[in-house]
Amino acid sequence: MTGSPAWAQKNSGTEEPKRLEITSEKMRTENNGRKIIFTGNVRGTWEDVVLTSRILEVYTQPRDKTQPGTTSGKEDPGQGQELEKIIALENVDVVKGTKKARGDKAVYYDKEQKMILTGTPHATAWENENILEGPEMIFYMNEDRFEVTNGVKLILFPKDSEIKKVDKKN
């Protein structure tokens, strides 16, 4: 691979590049290094997100030469690759702050800052004791919001619920 091993992307001239760190038991590349496959106890960390799975596929693409600060029209090996998407398969867990989710497959699209988590029969997300289930969950990472499609189950535990007060007395 050429360029930055972290597929660093700068959003402006003052921001630090994003760093993607992945650990696993094995790794191989395909398609001239544009597809990197990690297997066995995979853990990927970037910004405040931790993703674990059995298999993780990282897809890169040539850095966009039209971005400010790049040399347009020239192949510059120093510019390297940029992250396109990440696909996590089998026993997928995602943690972002106090939010957690679990499913069979997660697909993260870097440009859209969007992660789609699916599961059979459903994917599950929770924050504290609250639980949300559905066959497909779409997380908009930069907006701190999400949506669930094709059937939803929500279980809420209000902070000052009577159930908790009774439980604490026993």
N, C-alpha and C. Protein backbone atom coordinates (compact mmCIF):
# COMPACT_ATOMS: atom_id res chain seq x y z
N MET A 1 0.85 -1.18 0.00
CA MET A 1 0.00 0.00 0.00
C MET A 1 0.88 1.23 0.00
N THR A 2 0.40 2.24 -0.65
CA THR A 2 1.14 3.50 -0.67
C THR A 2 0.42 4.53 0.17
N GLY A 3 1.13 5.57 0.51
CA GLY A 3 0.52 6.67 1.23
C GLY A 3 0.32 6.35 2.70
N SER A 4 -0.58 7.06 3.32
CA SER A 4 -0.82 6.94 4.75
C SER A 4 -1.45 5.60 5.10
N PRO A 5 -0.87 4.87 6.05
CA PRO A 5 -1.45 3.59 6.42
C PRO A 5 -2.77 3.74 7.15
N ALA A 6 -3.10 4.92 7.60
CA ALA A 6 -4.35 5.14 8.33
C ALA A 6 -5.43 5.70 7.40
N TRP A 7 -5.17 5.78 6.10
CA TRP A 7 -6.12 6.37 5.15
C TRP A 7 -6.61 7.70 5.69
N ALA A 8 -5.66 8.52 6.08
CA ALA A 8 -5.98 9.80 6.71
C ALA A 8 -6.72 10.69 5.73
N GLN A 9 -7.72 11.37 6.27
CA GLN A 9 -8.47 12.33 5.49
C GLN A 9 -8.56 13.61 6.30
N LYS A 10 -8.24 14.72 5.67
CA LYS A 10 -8.38 15.99 6.36
C LYS A 10 -9.61 16.69 5.81
N ASN A 11 -10.50 17.10 6.72
CA ASN A 11 -11.70 17.82 6.32
C ASN A 11 -11.41 19.28 6.07
N SER A 12 -10.42 19.82 6.75
CA SER A 12 -9.98 21.19 6.51
C SER A 12 -8.50 21.24 6.84
N GLY A 13 -7.88 22.34 6.59
CA GLY A 13 -6.45 22.45 6.81
C GLY A 13 -6.04 22.40 8.27
N THR A 14 -6.98 22.58 9.22
CA THR A 14 -6.62 22.63 10.62
C THR A 14 -6.94 21.35 11.38
N GLU A 15 -7.77 20.48 10.85
CA GLU A 15 -8.16 19.27 11.56
C GLU A 15 -7.09 18.19 11.44
N GLU A 16 -6.99 17.38 12.49
CA GLU A 16 -6.11 16.23 12.47
C GLU A 16 -6.71 15.16 11.57
N PRO A 17 -5.86 14.36 10.91
CA PRO A 17 -6.39 13.28 10.09
C PRO A 17 -7.07 12.22 10.95
N LYS A 18 -8.06 11.56 10.36
CA LYS A 18 -8.72 10.45 11.04
C LYS A 18 -7.76 9.28 11.08
N ARG A 19 -7.81 8.53 12.14
CA ARG A 19 -6.93 7.37 12.27
C ARG A 19 -7.79 6.13 12.43
N LEU A 20 -7.52 5.13 11.62
CA LEU A 20 -8.19 3.84 11.69
C LEU A 20 -7.16 2.82 12.14
N GLU A 21 -7.43 2.15 13.24
CA GLU A 21 -6.50 1.13 13.75
C GLU A 21 -7.24 -0.20 13.82
N ILE A 22 -6.66 -1.24 13.22
CA ILE A 22 -7.29 -2.55 13.18
C ILE A 22 -6.31 -3.60 13.68
N THR A 23 -6.80 -4.48 14.55
CA THR A 23 -6.01 -5.63 14.98
C THR A 23 -6.81 -6.89 14.67
N SER A 24 -6.11 -7.97 14.35
CA SER A 24 -6.75 -9.26 14.04
C SER A 24 -5.71 -10.36 14.10
N GLU A 25 -6.16 -11.59 13.92
CA GLU A 25 -5.24 -12.72 13.88
C GLU A 25 -4.56 -12.85 12.52
N LYS A 26 -5.30 -12.55 11.44
CA LYS A 26 -4.76 -12.67 10.09
C LYS A 26 -5.21 -11.49 9.23
N MET A 27 -4.45 -11.26 8.13
CA MET A 27 -4.79 -10.21 7.18
C MET A 27 -4.31 -10.63 5.80
N ARG A 28 -5.08 -10.29 4.77
CA ARG A 28 -4.64 -10.48 3.39
C ARG A 28 -5.22 -9.35 2.56
N THR A 29 -4.58 -9.11 1.40
CA THR A 29 -5.07 -8.07 0.50
C THR A 29 -5.49 -8.68 -0.83
N GLU A 30 -6.39 -7.99 -1.50
CA GLU A 30 -6.85 -8.36 -2.83
C GLU A 30 -6.97 -7.09 -3.66
N ASN A 31 -7.10 -7.27 -4.97
CA ASN A 31 -7.34 -6.15 -5.88
C ASN A 31 -6.30 -5.03 -5.71
N ASN A 32 -5.02 -5.42 -5.78
CA ASN A 32 -3.92 -4.45 -5.66
C ASN A 32 -3.95 -3.67 -4.35
N GLY A 33 -4.39 -4.32 -3.29
CA GLY A 33 -4.42 -3.66 -2.00
C GLY A 33 -5.62 -2.78 -1.77
N ARG A 34 -6.55 -2.76 -2.69
CA ARG A 34 -7.76 -1.93 -2.53
C ARG A 34 -8.78 -2.58 -1.60
N LYS A 35 -8.65 -3.91 -1.41
CA LYS A 35 -9.51 -4.65 -0.48
C LYS A 35 -8.58 -5.35 0.51
N ILE A 36 -8.77 -5.07 1.79
CA ILE A 36 -7.95 -5.65 2.85
C ILE A 36 -8.90 -6.43 3.76
N ILE A 37 -8.59 -7.71 3.95
CA ILE A 37 -9.48 -8.59 4.71
C ILE A 37 -8.77 -9.01 5.99
N PHE A 38 -9.40 -8.72 7.12
CA PHE A 38 -8.91 -9.10 8.43
C PHE A 38 -9.80 -10.21 8.97
N THR A 39 -9.21 -11.26 9.56
CA THR A 39 -10.01 -12.35 10.11
C THR A 39 -9.50 -12.73 11.49
N GLY A 40 -10.43 -13.18 12.31
CA GLY A 40 -10.11 -13.67 13.64
C GLY A 40 -9.95 -12.59 14.68
N ASN A 41 -10.89 -12.51 15.61
CA ASN A 41 -10.84 -11.53 16.71
C ASN A 41 -10.49 -10.13 16.22
N VAL A 42 -11.26 -9.64 15.28
CA VAL A 42 -10.99 -8.34 14.67
C VAL A 42 -11.52 -7.22 15.57
N ARG A 43 -10.70 -6.19 15.69
CA ARG A 43 -11.09 -4.99 16.44
C ARG A 43 -10.65 -3.78 15.64
N GLY A 44 -11.60 -2.96 15.25
CA GLY A 44 -11.31 -1.73 14.52
C GLY A 44 -11.69 -0.54 15.37
N THR A 45 -10.81 0.45 15.44
CA THR A 45 -11.06 1.64 16.24
C THR A 45 -10.79 2.87 15.39
N TRP A 46 -11.72 3.81 15.36
CA TRP A 46 -11.50 5.11 14.74
C TRP A 46 -12.38 6.12 15.45
N GLU A 47 -11.80 7.28 15.66
CA GLU A 47 -12.44 8.34 16.44
C GLU A 47 -12.98 7.73 17.72
N ASP A 48 -14.29 7.84 18.00
CA ASP A 48 -14.85 7.28 19.23
C ASP A 48 -15.66 6.01 18.98
N VAL A 49 -15.37 5.31 17.89
CA VAL A 49 -16.09 4.09 17.53
C VAL A 49 -15.16 2.88 17.67
N VAL A 50 -15.68 1.82 18.29
CA VAL A 50 -14.98 0.54 18.37
C VAL A 50 -15.88 -0.51 17.75
N LEU A 51 -15.36 -1.22 16.75
CA LEU A 51 -16.12 -2.24 16.05
C LEU A 51 -15.38 -3.56 16.17
N THR A 52 -16.06 -4.61 16.63
CA THR A 52 -15.45 -5.93 16.71
C THR A 52 -16.28 -6.91 15.88
N SER A 53 -15.61 -7.89 15.29
CA SER A 53 -16.27 -8.91 14.47
C SER A 53 -15.30 -10.05 14.22
N ARG A 54 -15.78 -11.07 13.53
CA ARG A 54 -14.89 -12.17 13.14
C ARG A 54 -14.16 -11.85 11.85
N ILE A 55 -14.83 -11.12 10.93
CA ILE A 55 -14.25 -10.74 9.63
C ILE A 55 -14.48 -9.25 9.42
N LEU A 56 -13.46 -8.57 8.91
CA LEU A 56 -13.59 -7.15 8.59
C LEU A 56 -12.93 -6.91 7.25
N GLU A 57 -13.69 -6.33 6.31
CA GLU A 57 -13.16 -6.01 4.99
C GLU A 57 -13.08 -4.49 4.86
N VAL A 58 -11.90 -4.00 4.51
CA VAL A 58 -11.68 -2.57 4.32
C VAL A 58 -11.49 -2.32 2.84
N TYR A 59 -12.29 -1.43 2.28
CA TYR A 59 -12.20 -1.08 0.86
C TYR A 59 -11.67 0.33 0.75
N THR A 60 -10.61 0.49 -0.06
CA THR A 60 -10.03 1.81 -0.27
C THR A 60 -10.17 2.19 -1.74
N GLN A 61 -9.93 3.46 -2.00
CA GLN A 61 -9.92 3.96 -3.37
C GLN A 61 -8.84 5.01 -3.46
N PRO A 62 -8.38 5.31 -4.69
CA PRO A 62 -7.36 6.35 -4.83
C PRO A 62 -7.88 7.66 -4.25
N ARG A 63 -6.99 8.37 -3.60
CA ARG A 63 -7.37 9.66 -3.00
C ARG A 63 -7.91 10.59 -4.07
N ASP A 64 -8.96 11.31 -3.73
CA ASP A 64 -9.60 12.26 -4.64
C ASP A 64 -8.65 13.42 -4.91
N LYS A 65 -8.19 13.53 -6.15
CA LYS A 65 -7.21 14.57 -6.52
C LYS A 65 -7.83 15.96 -6.65
N THR A 66 -9.16 16.04 -6.57
CA THR A 66 -9.82 17.34 -6.71
C THR A 66 -9.95 18.06 -5.38
N GLN A 67 -9.58 17.40 -4.27
CA GLN A 67 -9.65 18.03 -2.96
C GLN A 67 -8.57 19.11 -2.85
N PRO A 68 -8.84 20.16 -2.07
CA PRO A 68 -7.82 21.21 -1.88
C PRO A 68 -6.54 20.62 -1.32
N GLY A 69 -5.41 21.09 -1.83
CA GLY A 69 -4.13 20.63 -1.35
C GLY A 69 -3.58 19.42 -2.07
N THR A 70 -4.30 18.92 -3.09
CA THR A 70 -3.81 17.78 -3.85
C THR A 70 -3.39 18.25 -5.23
N THR A 71 -2.55 17.46 -5.87
CA THR A 71 -2.08 17.78 -7.21
C THR A 71 -3.04 17.17 -8.22
N SER A 72 -3.78 18.00 -8.92
CA SER A 72 -4.80 17.51 -9.84
C SER A 72 -4.16 16.91 -11.09
N GLY A 73 -4.68 15.73 -11.46
CA GLY A 73 -4.27 15.11 -12.72
C GLY A 73 -2.98 14.35 -12.69
N LYS A 74 -2.26 14.34 -11.57
CA LYS A 74 -0.99 13.62 -11.49
C LYS A 74 -1.12 12.47 -10.52
N GLU A 75 -0.47 11.35 -10.84
CA GLU A 75 -0.43 10.22 -9.93
C GLU A 75 0.66 10.49 -8.92
N ASP A 76 0.29 10.70 -7.69
CA ASP A 76 1.23 11.03 -6.64
C ASP A 76 1.17 9.94 -5.58
N PRO A 77 2.15 9.03 -5.51
CA PRO A 77 2.11 7.96 -4.54
C PRO A 77 2.04 8.44 -3.10
N GLY A 78 2.48 9.65 -2.84
CA GLY A 78 2.40 10.20 -1.50
C GLY A 78 0.98 10.48 -1.07
N GLN A 79 0.07 10.62 -2.03
CA GLN A 79 -1.32 10.89 -1.69
C GLN A 79 -2.04 9.63 -1.25
N GLY A 80 -1.63 8.45 -1.75
CA GLY A 80 -2.12 7.17 -1.25
C GLY A 80 -3.59 6.89 -1.47
N GLN A 81 -4.15 6.18 -0.51
CA GLN A 81 -5.51 5.69 -0.57
C GLN A 81 -6.38 6.43 0.44
N GLU A 82 -7.68 6.41 0.19
CA GLU A 82 -8.61 6.89 1.18
C GLU A 82 -9.65 5.82 1.42
N LEU A 83 -10.22 5.82 2.60
CA LEU A 83 -11.20 4.83 2.99
C LEU A 83 -12.49 5.04 2.20
N GLU A 84 -13.01 3.95 1.62
CA GLU A 84 -14.29 3.98 0.93
C GLU A 84 -15.39 3.41 1.84
N LYS A 85 -15.19 2.16 2.28
CA LYS A 85 -16.18 1.53 3.15
C LYS A 85 -15.52 0.41 3.95
N ILE A 86 -16.22 0.02 5.01
CA ILE A 86 -15.80 -1.09 5.85
C ILE A 86 -17.00 -2.02 5.99
N ILE A 87 -16.76 -3.32 5.81
CA ILE A 87 -17.81 -4.32 6.01
C ILE A 87 -17.35 -5.25 7.12
N ALA A 88 -18.16 -5.36 8.16
CA ALA A 88 -17.89 -6.27 9.27
C ALA A 88 -18.90 -7.41 9.19
N LEU A 89 -18.40 -8.64 9.36
CA LEU A 89 -19.25 -9.82 9.25
C LEU A 89 -19.08 -10.73 10.46
N GLU A 90 -20.16 -11.31 10.90
CA GLU A 90 -20.20 -12.32 11.96
C GLU A 90 -19.88 -11.75 13.33
N ASN A 91 -20.83 -11.87 14.23
CA ASN A 91 -20.67 -11.42 15.62
C ASN A 91 -20.20 -9.97 15.70
N VAL A 92 -20.94 -9.09 15.05
CA VAL A 92 -20.55 -7.69 14.97
C VAL A 92 -21.06 -6.92 16.19
N ASP A 93 -20.15 -6.24 16.85
CA ASP A 93 -20.49 -5.34 17.96
C ASP A 93 -19.93 -3.96 17.62
N VAL A 94 -20.75 -2.94 17.86
CA VAL A 94 -20.33 -1.56 17.62
C VAL A 94 -20.56 -0.78 18.91
N VAL A 95 -19.56 -0.03 19.34
CA VAL A 95 -19.68 0.80 20.53
C VAL A 95 -19.26 2.21 20.17
N LYS A 96 -20.12 3.17 20.52
CA LYS A 96 -19.81 4.59 20.33
C LYS A 96 -20.29 5.31 21.58
N GLY A 97 -19.35 5.67 22.42
CA GLY A 97 -19.72 6.30 23.69
C GLY A 97 -20.54 5.36 24.54
N THR A 98 -21.73 5.79 24.98
CA THR A 98 -22.61 4.95 25.79
C THR A 98 -23.55 4.10 24.95
N LYS A 99 -23.48 4.24 23.63
CA LYS A 99 -24.36 3.50 22.73
C LYS A 99 -23.67 2.22 22.25
N LYS A 100 -24.45 1.14 22.20
CA LYS A 100 -23.91 -0.14 21.74
C LYS A 100 -24.91 -0.76 20.77
N ALA A 101 -24.39 -1.56 19.84
CA ALA A 101 -25.26 -2.26 18.89
C ALA A 101 -24.62 -3.59 18.54
N ARG A 102 -25.48 -4.55 18.17
CA ARG A 102 -25.01 -5.89 17.82
C ARG A 102 -25.83 -6.40 16.65
N GLY A 103 -25.13 -7.09 15.71
CA GLY A 103 -25.81 -7.67 14.56
C GLY A 103 -24.93 -8.67 13.86
N ASP A 104 -25.39 -9.10 12.68
CA ASP A 104 -24.65 -10.07 11.87
C ASP A 104 -23.72 -9.40 10.88
N LYS A 105 -24.10 -8.19 10.44
CA LYS A 105 -23.32 -7.49 9.41
C LYS A 105 -23.45 -5.99 9.61
N ALA A 106 -22.33 -5.30 9.44
CA ALA A 106 -22.33 -3.83 9.47
C ALA A 106 -21.56 -3.33 8.26
N VAL A 107 -22.14 -2.34 7.57
CA VAL A 107 -21.46 -1.71 6.44
C VAL A 107 -21.36 -0.22 6.76
N TYR A 108 -20.11 0.27 6.80
CA TYR A 108 -19.85 1.68 7.09
C TYR A 108 -19.38 2.35 5.82
N TYR A 109 -20.05 3.45 5.45
CA TYR A 109 -19.69 4.24 4.27
C TYR A 109 -19.05 5.53 4.77
N ASP A 110 -17.76 5.71 4.46
CA ASP A 110 -17.01 6.82 5.04
C ASP A 110 -17.50 8.18 4.55
N LYS A 111 -17.69 8.36 3.25
CA LYS A 111 -18.10 9.70 2.75
C LYS A 111 -19.44 10.13 3.33
N GLU A 112 -20.37 9.19 3.46
CA GLU A 112 -21.69 9.51 4.00
C GLU A 112 -21.72 9.49 5.53
N GLN A 113 -20.63 8.98 6.15
CA GLN A 113 -20.59 8.83 7.60
C GLN A 113 -21.83 8.08 8.10
N LYS A 114 -22.09 6.93 7.43
CA LYS A 114 -23.29 6.16 7.70
C LYS A 114 -22.92 4.70 7.90
N MET A 115 -23.54 4.06 8.89
CA MET A 115 -23.35 2.63 9.12
C MET A 115 -24.70 1.94 9.10
N ILE A 116 -24.79 0.85 8.34
CA ILE A 116 -26.01 0.06 8.27
C ILE A 116 -25.74 -1.27 8.95
N LEU A 117 -26.49 -1.55 10.00
CA LEU A 117 -26.34 -2.77 10.78
C LEU A 117 -27.56 -3.65 10.55
N THR A 118 -27.33 -4.91 10.21
CA THR A 118 -28.43 -5.85 9.98
C THR A 118 -28.22 -7.09 10.84
N GLY A 119 -29.33 -7.81 11.05
CA GLY A 119 -29.26 -9.03 11.82
C GLY A 119 -30.40 -9.96 11.50
N THR A 120 -30.20 -11.24 11.78
CA THR A 120 -31.24 -12.23 11.58
C THR A 120 -31.51 -12.89 12.92
N PRO A 121 -32.65 -12.76 13.53
CA PRO A 121 -33.84 -12.11 13.00
C PRO A 121 -33.82 -10.59 13.13
N HIS A 122 -32.92 -10.04 13.97
CA HIS A 122 -32.87 -8.58 14.11
C HIS A 122 -31.51 -8.15 14.63
N ALA A 123 -31.23 -6.89 14.45
CA ALA A 123 -30.07 -6.25 15.08
C ALA A 123 -30.58 -5.61 16.37
N THR A 124 -29.71 -5.40 17.32
CA THR A 124 -30.09 -4.84 18.61
C THR A 124 -29.18 -3.67 18.94
N ALA A 125 -29.78 -2.60 19.44
CA ALA A 125 -29.01 -1.45 19.91
C ALA A 125 -29.50 -1.11 21.30
N TRP A 126 -28.60 -0.62 22.13
CA TRP A 126 -29.02 -0.22 23.45
C TRP A 126 -28.15 0.90 23.96
N GLU A 127 -28.77 1.69 24.84
CA GLU A 127 -28.07 2.74 25.58
C GLU A 127 -28.57 2.64 27.01
N ASN A 128 -27.64 2.46 27.92
CA ASN A 128 -27.98 2.15 29.31
C ASN A 128 -28.86 0.90 29.30
N GLU A 129 -30.09 0.95 29.87
CA GLU A 129 -30.95 -0.23 29.88
C GLU A 129 -31.94 -0.25 28.72
N ASN A 130 -32.08 0.83 27.97
CA ASN A 130 -33.04 0.90 26.87
C ASN A 130 -32.58 0.04 25.70
N ILE A 131 -33.53 -0.69 25.09
CA ILE A 131 -33.20 -1.64 24.03
C ILE A 131 -34.06 -1.34 22.80
N LEU A 132 -33.42 -1.41 21.63
CA LEU A 132 -34.09 -1.20 20.36
C LEU A 132 -33.72 -2.36 19.44
N GLU A 133 -34.74 -2.96 18.79
CA GLU A 133 -34.49 -4.08 17.89
C GLU A 133 -35.15 -3.83 16.55
N GLY A 134 -34.52 -4.33 15.49
CA GLY A 134 -35.07 -4.24 14.15
C GLY A 134 -34.17 -4.96 13.17
N PRO A 135 -34.70 -5.38 12.03
CA PRO A 135 -33.87 -6.11 11.06
C PRO A 135 -32.80 -5.26 10.40
N GLU A 136 -33.00 -3.93 10.34
CA GLU A 136 -32.01 -3.04 9.73
C GLU A 136 -32.00 -1.71 10.48
N MET A 137 -30.80 -1.32 10.91
CA MET A 137 -30.62 -0.05 11.60
C MET A 137 -29.61 0.78 10.82
N ILE A 138 -29.94 2.04 10.62
CA ILE A 138 -29.04 2.95 9.91
C ILE A 138 -28.60 4.02 10.89
N PHE A 139 -27.28 4.07 11.13
CA PHE A 139 -26.71 5.04 12.06
C PHE A 139 -26.02 6.14 11.25
N TYR A 140 -26.40 7.39 11.49
CA TYR A 140 -25.76 8.55 10.87
C TYR A 140 -24.74 9.06 11.89
N MET A 141 -23.49 8.67 11.70
CA MET A 141 -22.46 8.83 12.72
C MET A 141 -22.20 10.27 13.13
N ASN A 142 -22.14 11.20 12.19
CA ASN A 142 -21.85 12.60 12.52
C ASN A 142 -23.05 13.34 13.09
N GLU A 143 -24.24 12.80 12.87
CA GLU A 143 -25.45 13.49 13.31
C GLU A 143 -26.01 12.93 14.61
N ASP A 144 -25.41 11.86 15.12
CA ASP A 144 -25.87 11.22 16.35
C ASP A 144 -27.37 10.90 16.28
N ARG A 145 -27.78 10.30 15.16
CA ARG A 145 -29.16 9.87 15.00
C ARG A 145 -29.18 8.57 14.22
N PHE A 146 -30.31 7.89 14.26
CA PHE A 146 -30.44 6.62 13.54
C PHE A 146 -31.89 6.37 13.20
N GLU A 147 -32.11 5.40 12.32
CA GLU A 147 -33.46 4.97 11.99
C GLU A 147 -33.47 3.46 11.87
N VAL A 148 -34.64 2.89 12.14
CA VAL A 148 -34.83 1.45 12.06
C VAL A 148 -35.94 1.19 11.07
N THR A 149 -35.73 0.21 10.18
CA THR A 149 -36.73 -0.06 9.14
C THR A 149 -37.27 -1.48 9.27
N ASN A 150 -38.42 -1.70 8.68
CA ASN A 150 -39.04 -3.03 8.53
C ASN A 150 -39.41 -3.71 9.85
N GLY A 151 -39.91 -2.96 10.80
CA GLY A 151 -40.36 -3.54 12.06
C GLY A 151 -39.45 -3.16 13.21
N VAL A 152 -40.03 -2.57 14.24
CA VAL A 152 -39.25 -2.04 15.34
C VAL A 152 -39.82 -2.53 16.66
N LYS A 153 -38.94 -2.84 17.58
CA LYS A 153 -39.33 -3.13 18.96
C LYS A 153 -38.47 -2.26 19.85
N LEU A 154 -39.11 -1.48 20.73
CA LEU A 154 -38.41 -0.58 21.63
C LEU A 154 -38.82 -0.89 23.06
N ILE A 155 -37.85 -1.04 23.94
CA ILE A 155 -38.11 -1.25 25.37
C ILE A 155 -37.40 -0.11 26.11
N LEU A 156 -38.18 0.74 26.77
CA LEU A 156 -37.64 1.89 27.50
C LEU A 156 -37.73 1.66 28.99
N PHE A 157 -36.70 2.07 29.69
CA PHE A 157 -36.68 2.05 31.14
C PHE A 157 -36.45 3.48 31.61
N PRO A 158 -37.53 4.21 31.95
CA PRO A 158 -37.35 5.59 32.42
C PRO A 158 -36.47 5.61 33.67
N LYS A 159 -35.69 6.67 33.82
CA LYS A 159 -34.72 6.76 34.92
C LYS A 159 -35.38 6.66 36.29
N ASP A 160 -36.53 7.28 36.47
CA ASP A 160 -37.19 7.29 37.78
C ASP A 160 -38.43 6.41 37.77
N SER A 161 -38.35 5.27 37.13
CA SER A 161 -39.53 4.42 37.02
C SER A 161 -39.87 3.77 38.35
N GLU A 162 -41.14 3.44 38.54
CA GLU A 162 -41.60 2.76 39.74
C GLU A 162 -40.97 1.38 39.84
N ILE A 163 -40.69 0.73 38.72
CA ILE A 163 -40.08 -0.60 38.72
C ILE A 163 -38.72 -0.54 39.40
N LYS A 164 -37.92 0.45 39.05
CA LYS A 164 -36.59 0.57 39.65
C LYS A 164 -36.67 0.85 41.14
N LYS A 165 -37.65 1.68 41.56
CA LYS A 165 -37.80 2.00 42.98
C LYS A 165 -38.15 0.75 43.76
N VAL A 166 -39.02 -0.09 43.22
CA VAL A 166 -39.39 -1.33 43.87
C VAL A 166 -38.19 -2.26 43.93
N ASP A 167 -37.45 -2.39 42.82
CA ASP A 167 -36.28 -3.26 42.78
C ASP A 167 -35.23 -2.85 43.81
N LYS A 168 -35.03 -1.55 44.01
CA LYS A 168 -34.02 -1.09 44.94
C LYS A 168 -34.39 -1.40 46.39
N LYS A 169 -35.71 -1.47 46.71
CA LYS A 169 -36.16 -1.77 48.06
C LYS A 169 -35.91 -3.23 48.41
N ASN A 170 -35.92 -4.11 47.44
CA ASN A 170 -35.76 -5.55 47.70
C ASN A 170 -34.35 -5.96 47.85
